[in-house]
Amino acid sequence: MVHPWRPVMVALTLLVTASIPAWAAGGAAGVTAGGEAAAGLAVPVAPLRVPILDGGRFAGTLRVQAALDYADPAQGAGAAGRVPVLRAAALSAGLEFARLHASARAPVDAALLSRMLTDAARTADPKVRQVLILDVSAQQS
């Protein structure tokens, strides 16, 4: 049986995925507290896959496609050299999220995941404005 929201989620995923090249080229824009657009740079991160455990047993896989959002494109330009440290921080936060908040049978709280990944990324690179969740899914094993 196809979930009734599946077509909507597929369309949103395609919309977000189609805009990745613009973000990677430095066309990302955030919104400041005053509501005006703030130019920035979003650096794509390789997809993360972490196990979902339920009572110590493998229950599924959490898959996350994300990008690091930098307020200043110059700050994000040097992110390539910090990728291993940033990825390690993201994997650690992803494992923690999967352990505490993910289930293969329930929707993923992308806002909470983004906050947890942002906190972890800022420990490795304080210049990260936010971790943008481009695609997320929890699949049952």
N, C-alpha and C. Protein backbone atom coordinates (compact mmCIF):
# COMPACT_ATOMS: atom_id res chain seq x y z
N MET A 1 0.83 -1.18 0.00
CA MET A 1 0.00 0.00 0.00
C MET A 1 0.88 1.24 0.00
N VAL A 2 0.59 2.18 -0.85
CA VAL A 2 1.34 3.42 -0.94
C VAL A 2 0.77 4.41 0.06
N HIS A 3 1.64 5.01 0.86
CA HIS A 3 1.22 6.00 1.83
C HIS A 3 0.63 7.20 1.09
N PRO A 4 -0.47 7.79 1.59
CA PRO A 4 -1.12 8.89 0.87
C PRO A 4 -0.23 10.13 0.69
N TRP A 5 0.76 10.32 1.54
CA TRP A 5 1.65 11.49 1.43
C TRP A 5 2.85 11.22 0.54
N ARG A 6 3.03 10.00 0.09
CA ARG A 6 4.22 9.65 -0.69
C ARG A 6 4.39 10.52 -1.95
N PRO A 7 3.35 10.74 -2.77
CA PRO A 7 3.55 11.59 -3.96
C PRO A 7 3.99 13.01 -3.60
N VAL A 8 3.44 13.55 -2.51
CA VAL A 8 3.83 14.90 -2.09
C VAL A 8 5.29 14.91 -1.65
N MET A 9 5.70 13.92 -0.88
CA MET A 9 7.08 13.86 -0.39
C MET A 9 8.06 13.66 -1.56
N VAL A 10 7.69 12.86 -2.54
CA VAL A 10 8.54 12.67 -3.71
C VAL A 10 8.70 13.98 -4.46
N ALA A 11 7.61 14.72 -4.63
CA ALA A 11 7.67 16.00 -5.33
C ALA A 11 8.53 17.00 -4.57
N LEU A 12 8.40 17.05 -3.24
CA LEU A 12 9.24 17.96 -2.45
C LEU A 12 10.71 17.57 -2.52
N THR A 13 10.99 16.28 -2.49
CA THR A 13 12.37 15.81 -2.60
C THR A 13 12.96 16.21 -3.94
N LEU A 14 12.19 16.05 -5.01
CA LEU A 14 12.68 16.44 -6.34
C LEU A 14 12.91 17.93 -6.41
N LEU A 15 12.04 18.72 -5.80
CA LEU A 15 12.20 20.17 -5.80
C LEU A 15 13.46 20.58 -5.08
N VAL A 16 13.70 20.02 -3.91
CA VAL A 16 14.90 20.35 -3.14
C VAL A 16 16.14 19.86 -3.86
N THR A 17 16.11 18.64 -4.37
CA THR A 17 17.26 18.08 -5.06
C THR A 17 17.61 18.87 -6.31
N ALA A 18 16.61 19.39 -7.01
CA ALA A 18 16.86 20.16 -8.22
C ALA A 18 17.57 21.47 -7.92
N SER A 19 17.44 21.98 -6.70
CA SER A 19 18.07 23.25 -6.36
C SER A 19 19.46 23.09 -5.76
N ILE A 20 19.93 21.86 -5.57
CA ILE A 20 21.26 21.64 -5.00
C ILE A 20 22.37 22.28 -5.81
N PRO A 21 22.40 22.17 -7.15
CA PRO A 21 23.49 22.80 -7.88
C PRO A 21 23.59 24.31 -7.64
N ALA A 22 22.46 25.00 -7.47
CA ALA A 22 22.50 26.44 -7.20
C ALA A 22 23.11 26.70 -5.84
N TRP A 23 22.79 25.89 -4.84
CA TRP A 23 23.38 26.07 -3.53
C TRP A 23 24.87 25.81 -3.58
N ALA A 24 25.27 24.74 -4.24
CA ALA A 24 26.68 24.39 -4.30
C ALA A 24 27.49 25.46 -5.03
N ALA A 25 26.85 26.18 -5.93
CA ALA A 25 27.55 27.23 -6.67
C ALA A 25 27.57 28.54 -5.91
N GLY A 26 27.03 28.55 -4.70
CA GLY A 26 27.06 29.76 -3.90
C GLY A 26 25.79 30.56 -3.98
N GLY A 27 24.73 30.01 -4.52
CA GLY A 27 23.49 30.74 -4.67
C GLY A 27 22.52 30.57 -3.52
N ALA A 28 22.96 29.97 -2.42
CA ALA A 28 22.05 29.76 -1.31
C ALA A 28 21.74 31.09 -0.64
N ALA A 29 20.54 31.21 -0.19
CA ALA A 29 20.17 32.43 0.53
C ALA A 29 19.41 32.04 1.77
N GLY A 30 19.80 32.62 2.89
CA GLY A 30 19.09 32.41 4.13
C GLY A 30 18.25 33.64 4.41
N VAL A 31 17.58 33.66 5.55
CA VAL A 31 16.80 34.82 5.94
C VAL A 31 17.31 35.27 7.28
N THR A 32 17.62 36.54 7.39
CA THR A 32 18.12 37.09 8.64
C THR A 32 16.95 37.37 9.57
N ALA A 33 17.26 37.77 10.82
CA ALA A 33 16.22 38.06 11.80
C ALA A 33 15.30 39.18 11.34
N GLY A 34 15.82 40.11 10.54
CA GLY A 34 15.01 41.21 10.04
C GLY A 34 14.15 40.83 8.86
N GLY A 35 14.31 39.63 8.32
CA GLY A 35 13.51 39.16 7.20
C GLY A 35 14.15 39.37 5.85
N GLU A 36 15.30 40.07 5.79
CA GLU A 36 15.94 40.27 4.49
C GLU A 36 16.79 39.06 4.14
N ALA A 37 17.03 38.86 2.86
CA ALA A 37 17.81 37.72 2.38
C ALA A 37 19.27 37.93 2.71
N ALA A 38 19.94 36.86 3.09
CA ALA A 38 21.37 36.91 3.39
C ALA A 38 22.07 35.90 2.49
N ALA A 39 23.01 36.37 1.68
CA ALA A 39 23.73 35.48 0.78
C ALA A 39 24.60 34.55 1.60
N GLY A 40 24.81 33.36 1.08
CA GLY A 40 25.64 32.39 1.77
C GLY A 40 26.11 31.33 0.81
N LEU A 41 26.64 30.27 1.36
CA LEU A 41 27.13 29.16 0.57
C LEU A 41 26.71 27.88 1.25
N ALA A 42 26.14 26.96 0.52
CA ALA A 42 25.78 25.65 1.04
C ALA A 42 26.71 24.63 0.43
N VAL A 43 27.38 23.88 1.29
CA VAL A 43 28.33 22.87 0.85
C VAL A 43 27.70 21.49 1.05
N PRO A 44 27.44 20.76 -0.04
CA PRO A 44 26.83 19.43 0.10
C PRO A 44 27.74 18.47 0.87
N VAL A 45 27.12 17.61 1.64
CA VAL A 45 27.83 16.59 2.40
C VAL A 45 27.45 15.24 1.80
N ALA A 46 28.39 14.32 1.75
CA ALA A 46 28.10 12.97 1.25
C ALA A 46 26.97 12.37 2.09
N PRO A 47 26.10 11.58 1.48
CA PRO A 47 24.97 11.00 2.21
C PRO A 47 25.43 10.21 3.44
N LEU A 48 24.65 10.33 4.50
CA LEU A 48 24.92 9.59 5.74
C LEU A 48 23.92 8.44 5.83
N ARG A 49 24.42 7.31 6.27
CA ARG A 49 23.56 6.15 6.53
C ARG A 49 23.94 5.62 7.90
N VAL A 50 22.97 5.62 8.80
CA VAL A 50 23.22 5.13 10.15
C VAL A 50 22.15 4.12 10.53
N PRO A 51 22.53 3.14 11.35
CA PRO A 51 21.55 2.11 11.73
C PRO A 51 20.56 2.63 12.76
N ILE A 52 19.34 2.13 12.67
CA ILE A 52 18.32 2.38 13.67
C ILE A 52 18.23 1.10 14.50
N LEU A 53 18.45 1.25 15.79
CA LEU A 53 18.41 0.10 16.68
C LEU A 53 17.17 0.19 17.56
N ASP A 54 16.55 -0.95 17.79
CA ASP A 54 15.38 -1.02 18.65
C ASP A 54 15.61 -2.16 19.64
N GLY A 55 15.84 -1.81 20.87
CA GLY A 55 16.11 -2.82 21.89
C GLY A 55 17.39 -3.60 21.60
N GLY A 56 18.37 -2.93 21.02
CA GLY A 56 19.64 -3.58 20.72
C GLY A 56 19.64 -4.39 19.43
N ARG A 57 18.52 -4.38 18.73
CA ARG A 57 18.42 -5.12 17.47
C ARG A 57 18.32 -4.15 16.30
N PHE A 58 18.92 -4.52 15.18
CA PHE A 58 18.87 -3.70 13.98
C PHE A 58 17.44 -3.63 13.47
N ALA A 59 16.89 -2.40 13.37
CA ALA A 59 15.50 -2.25 12.95
C ALA A 59 15.37 -1.54 11.60
N GLY A 60 16.44 -0.89 11.16
CA GLY A 60 16.35 -0.18 9.89
C GLY A 60 17.55 0.74 9.69
N THR A 61 17.42 1.62 8.70
CA THR A 61 18.50 2.53 8.35
C THR A 61 17.94 3.94 8.20
N LEU A 62 18.64 4.90 8.81
CA LEU A 62 18.33 6.31 8.65
C LEU A 62 19.25 6.85 7.58
N ARG A 63 18.67 7.41 6.53
CA ARG A 63 19.46 7.97 5.43
C ARG A 63 19.24 9.47 5.39
N VAL A 64 20.35 10.21 5.33
CA VAL A 64 20.27 11.67 5.37
C VAL A 64 21.16 12.26 4.28
N GLN A 65 20.59 13.16 3.50
CA GLN A 65 21.36 13.97 2.55
C GLN A 65 21.28 15.39 3.09
N ALA A 66 22.43 16.02 3.34
CA ALA A 66 22.45 17.33 3.96
C ALA A 66 23.48 18.23 3.29
N ALA A 67 23.41 19.50 3.65
CA ALA A 67 24.38 20.49 3.18
C ALA A 67 24.69 21.42 4.35
N LEU A 68 25.94 21.88 4.39
CA LEU A 68 26.36 22.84 5.41
C LEU A 68 26.12 24.24 4.87
N ASP A 69 25.39 25.04 5.62
CA ASP A 69 25.08 26.41 5.21
C ASP A 69 26.03 27.37 5.92
N TYR A 70 26.77 28.14 5.13
CA TYR A 70 27.69 29.15 5.65
C TYR A 70 27.13 30.53 5.33
N ALA A 71 27.20 31.46 6.28
CA ALA A 71 26.70 32.81 6.06
C ALA A 71 27.56 33.55 5.04
N ASP A 72 28.84 33.31 5.07
CA ASP A 72 29.78 33.99 4.18
C ASP A 72 30.39 32.96 3.23
N PRO A 73 30.26 33.16 1.91
CA PRO A 73 30.83 32.21 0.96
C PRO A 73 32.33 31.97 1.16
N ALA A 74 33.06 32.97 1.63
CA ALA A 74 34.49 32.80 1.86
C ALA A 74 34.75 31.79 2.98
N GLN A 75 33.89 31.78 3.99
CA GLN A 75 34.04 30.82 5.09
C GLN A 75 33.77 29.40 4.62
N GLY A 76 32.77 29.24 3.77
CA GLY A 76 32.43 27.92 3.27
C GLY A 76 33.41 27.39 2.25
N ALA A 77 34.16 28.29 1.60
CA ALA A 77 35.11 27.86 0.58
C ALA A 77 36.19 26.94 1.16
N GLY A 78 36.56 27.14 2.41
CA GLY A 78 37.58 26.31 3.04
C GLY A 78 37.03 25.05 3.68
N ALA A 79 35.74 24.79 3.53
CA ALA A 79 35.11 23.63 4.17
C ALA A 79 35.63 22.31 3.62
N ALA A 80 36.09 22.31 2.37
CA ALA A 80 36.57 21.06 1.78
C ALA A 80 37.72 20.46 2.58
N GLY A 81 38.55 21.29 3.14
CA GLY A 81 39.66 20.80 3.95
C GLY A 81 39.23 20.24 5.30
N ARG A 82 38.03 20.61 5.74
CA ARG A 82 37.53 20.14 7.04
C ARG A 82 36.49 19.02 6.91
N VAL A 83 36.30 18.50 5.71
CA VAL A 83 35.26 17.50 5.47
C VAL A 83 35.39 16.27 6.38
N PRO A 84 36.56 15.68 6.57
CA PRO A 84 36.61 14.49 7.44
C PRO A 84 36.14 14.77 8.87
N VAL A 85 36.52 15.91 9.43
CA VAL A 85 36.12 16.25 10.80
C VAL A 85 34.62 16.55 10.85
N LEU A 86 34.13 17.29 9.86
CA LEU A 86 32.70 17.61 9.79
C LEU A 86 31.86 16.35 9.60
N ARG A 87 32.34 15.43 8.76
CA ARG A 87 31.60 14.18 8.52
C ARG A 87 31.58 13.31 9.78
N ALA A 88 32.69 13.26 10.50
CA ALA A 88 32.73 12.49 11.75
C ALA A 88 31.74 13.06 12.76
N ALA A 89 31.68 14.38 12.86
CA ALA A 89 30.73 15.02 13.78
C ALA A 89 29.29 14.71 13.35
N ALA A 90 29.03 14.76 12.05
CA ALA A 90 27.68 14.49 11.53
C ALA A 90 27.29 13.03 11.78
N LEU A 91 28.22 12.11 11.58
CA LEU A 91 27.92 10.69 11.82
C LEU A 91 27.62 10.44 13.30
N SER A 92 28.39 11.07 14.16
CA SER A 92 28.16 10.92 15.60
C SER A 92 26.77 11.43 15.98
N ALA A 93 26.42 12.61 15.49
CA ALA A 93 25.10 13.17 15.79
C ALA A 93 23.99 12.34 15.14
N GLY A 94 24.23 11.82 13.94
CA GLY A 94 23.25 10.97 13.27
C GLY A 94 23.00 9.68 14.04
N LEU A 95 24.06 9.09 14.57
CA LEU A 95 23.90 7.88 15.38
C LEU A 95 23.11 8.17 16.64
N GLU A 96 23.41 9.31 17.28
CA GLU A 96 22.68 9.69 18.49
C GLU A 96 21.21 9.94 18.18
N PHE A 97 20.92 10.63 17.08
CA PHE A 97 19.53 10.87 16.68
C PHE A 97 18.82 9.55 16.41
N ALA A 98 19.47 8.66 15.66
CA ALA A 98 18.85 7.37 15.32
C ALA A 98 18.58 6.55 16.58
N ARG A 99 19.48 6.63 17.54
CA ARG A 99 19.33 5.87 18.78
C ARG A 99 18.17 6.39 19.62
N LEU A 100 18.02 7.72 19.69
CA LEU A 100 17.04 8.31 20.58
C LEU A 100 15.70 8.69 19.93
N HIS A 101 15.73 9.07 18.64
CA HIS A 101 14.55 9.70 18.07
C HIS A 101 14.04 9.08 16.76
N ALA A 102 14.67 8.05 16.25
CA ALA A 102 14.27 7.51 14.95
C ALA A 102 13.62 6.14 15.10
N SER A 103 12.69 5.90 14.22
CA SER A 103 12.04 4.61 14.12
C SER A 103 11.77 4.36 12.64
N ALA A 104 11.92 3.14 12.23
CA ALA A 104 11.64 2.79 10.84
C ALA A 104 10.14 2.83 10.55
N ARG A 105 9.33 2.94 11.60
CA ARG A 105 7.88 2.91 11.42
C ARG A 105 7.21 4.27 11.67
N ALA A 106 8.01 5.32 11.84
CA ALA A 106 7.44 6.64 12.13
C ALA A 106 8.15 7.70 11.30
N PRO A 107 7.49 8.83 11.08
CA PRO A 107 8.14 9.91 10.33
C PRO A 107 9.37 10.44 11.07
N VAL A 108 10.33 10.91 10.31
CA VAL A 108 11.55 11.45 10.89
C VAL A 108 11.33 12.93 11.21
N ASP A 109 11.72 13.35 12.39
CA ASP A 109 11.64 14.76 12.80
C ASP A 109 12.84 15.49 12.21
N ALA A 110 12.68 16.00 11.00
CA ALA A 110 13.79 16.64 10.28
C ALA A 110 14.27 17.90 10.97
N ALA A 111 13.38 18.64 11.63
CA ALA A 111 13.78 19.86 12.34
C ALA A 111 14.72 19.52 13.50
N LEU A 112 14.38 18.50 14.26
CA LEU A 112 15.24 18.08 15.37
C LEU A 112 16.56 17.53 14.84
N LEU A 113 16.51 16.75 13.78
CA LEU A 113 17.73 16.22 13.17
C LEU A 113 18.63 17.36 12.71
N SER A 114 18.05 18.37 12.08
CA SER A 114 18.83 19.53 11.63
C SER A 114 19.50 20.23 12.80
N ARG A 115 18.76 20.41 13.90
CA ARG A 115 19.34 21.07 15.09
C ARG A 115 20.50 20.24 15.66
N MET A 116 20.31 18.92 15.74
CA MET A 116 21.37 18.07 16.30
C MET A 116 22.60 18.08 15.39
N LEU A 117 22.40 17.99 14.09
CA LEU A 117 23.52 18.02 13.15
C LEU A 117 24.20 19.38 13.15
N THR A 118 23.42 20.46 13.28
CA THR A 118 24.00 21.80 13.34
C THR A 118 24.87 21.96 14.57
N ASP A 119 24.39 21.51 15.73
CA ASP A 119 25.19 21.59 16.95
C ASP A 119 26.49 20.82 16.80
N ALA A 120 26.42 19.63 16.22
CA ALA A 120 27.62 18.81 16.03
C ALA A 120 28.59 19.47 15.04
N ALA A 121 28.04 20.00 13.94
CA ALA A 121 28.90 20.64 12.93
C ALA A 121 29.59 21.88 13.49
N ARG A 122 28.89 22.62 14.35
CA ARG A 122 29.48 23.83 14.94
C ARG A 122 30.62 23.51 15.90
N THR A 123 30.63 22.31 16.48
CA THR A 123 31.77 21.94 17.33
C THR A 123 33.01 21.75 16.47
N ALA A 124 32.83 21.28 15.24
CA ALA A 124 33.96 21.07 14.33
C ALA A 124 34.30 22.34 13.56
N ASP A 125 33.30 23.17 13.28
CA ASP A 125 33.51 24.41 12.52
C ASP A 125 32.47 25.43 12.98
N PRO A 126 32.87 26.35 13.87
CA PRO A 126 31.92 27.32 14.42
C PRO A 126 31.30 28.26 13.37
N LYS A 127 31.83 28.28 12.17
CA LYS A 127 31.32 29.17 11.13
C LYS A 127 30.09 28.60 10.41
N VAL A 128 29.73 27.35 10.68
CA VAL A 128 28.54 26.75 10.07
C VAL A 128 27.31 27.45 10.62
N ARG A 129 26.48 27.97 9.72
CA ARG A 129 25.25 28.66 10.14
C ARG A 129 24.18 27.62 10.50
N GLN A 130 24.02 26.63 9.64
CA GLN A 130 22.99 25.62 9.85
C GLN A 130 23.28 24.42 8.96
N VAL A 131 22.83 23.25 9.38
CA VAL A 131 22.86 22.07 8.52
C VAL A 131 21.48 21.96 7.89
N LEU A 132 21.46 22.01 6.57
CA LEU A 132 20.21 21.93 5.82
C LEU A 132 19.93 20.47 5.48
N ILE A 133 18.75 19.98 5.81
CA ILE A 133 18.36 18.62 5.47
C ILE A 133 17.73 18.66 4.09
N LEU A 134 18.36 18.01 3.13
CA LEU A 134 17.85 17.99 1.77
C LEU A 134 16.92 16.81 1.53
N ASP A 135 17.23 15.68 2.15
CA ASP A 135 16.42 14.48 2.01
C ASP A 135 16.68 13.60 3.22
N VAL A 136 15.64 13.01 3.76
CA VAL A 136 15.80 12.12 4.91
C VAL A 136 14.76 11.02 4.82
N SER A 137 15.17 9.81 5.19
CA SER A 137 14.23 8.70 5.21
C SER A 137 14.68 7.68 6.25
N ALA A 138 13.72 6.97 6.78
CA ALA A 138 13.99 5.86 7.70
C ALA A 138 13.35 4.64 7.07
N GLN A 139 14.18 3.65 6.80
CA GLN A 139 13.69 2.45 6.13
C GLN A 139 13.83 1.25 7.04
N GLN A 140 12.80 0.43 7.04
CA GLN A 140 12.79 -0.78 7.85
C GLN A 140 13.67 -1.84 7.20
N SER A 141 14.32 -2.63 8.03
CA SER A 141 15.20 -3.69 7.48
C SER A 141 14.42 -4.88 6.99
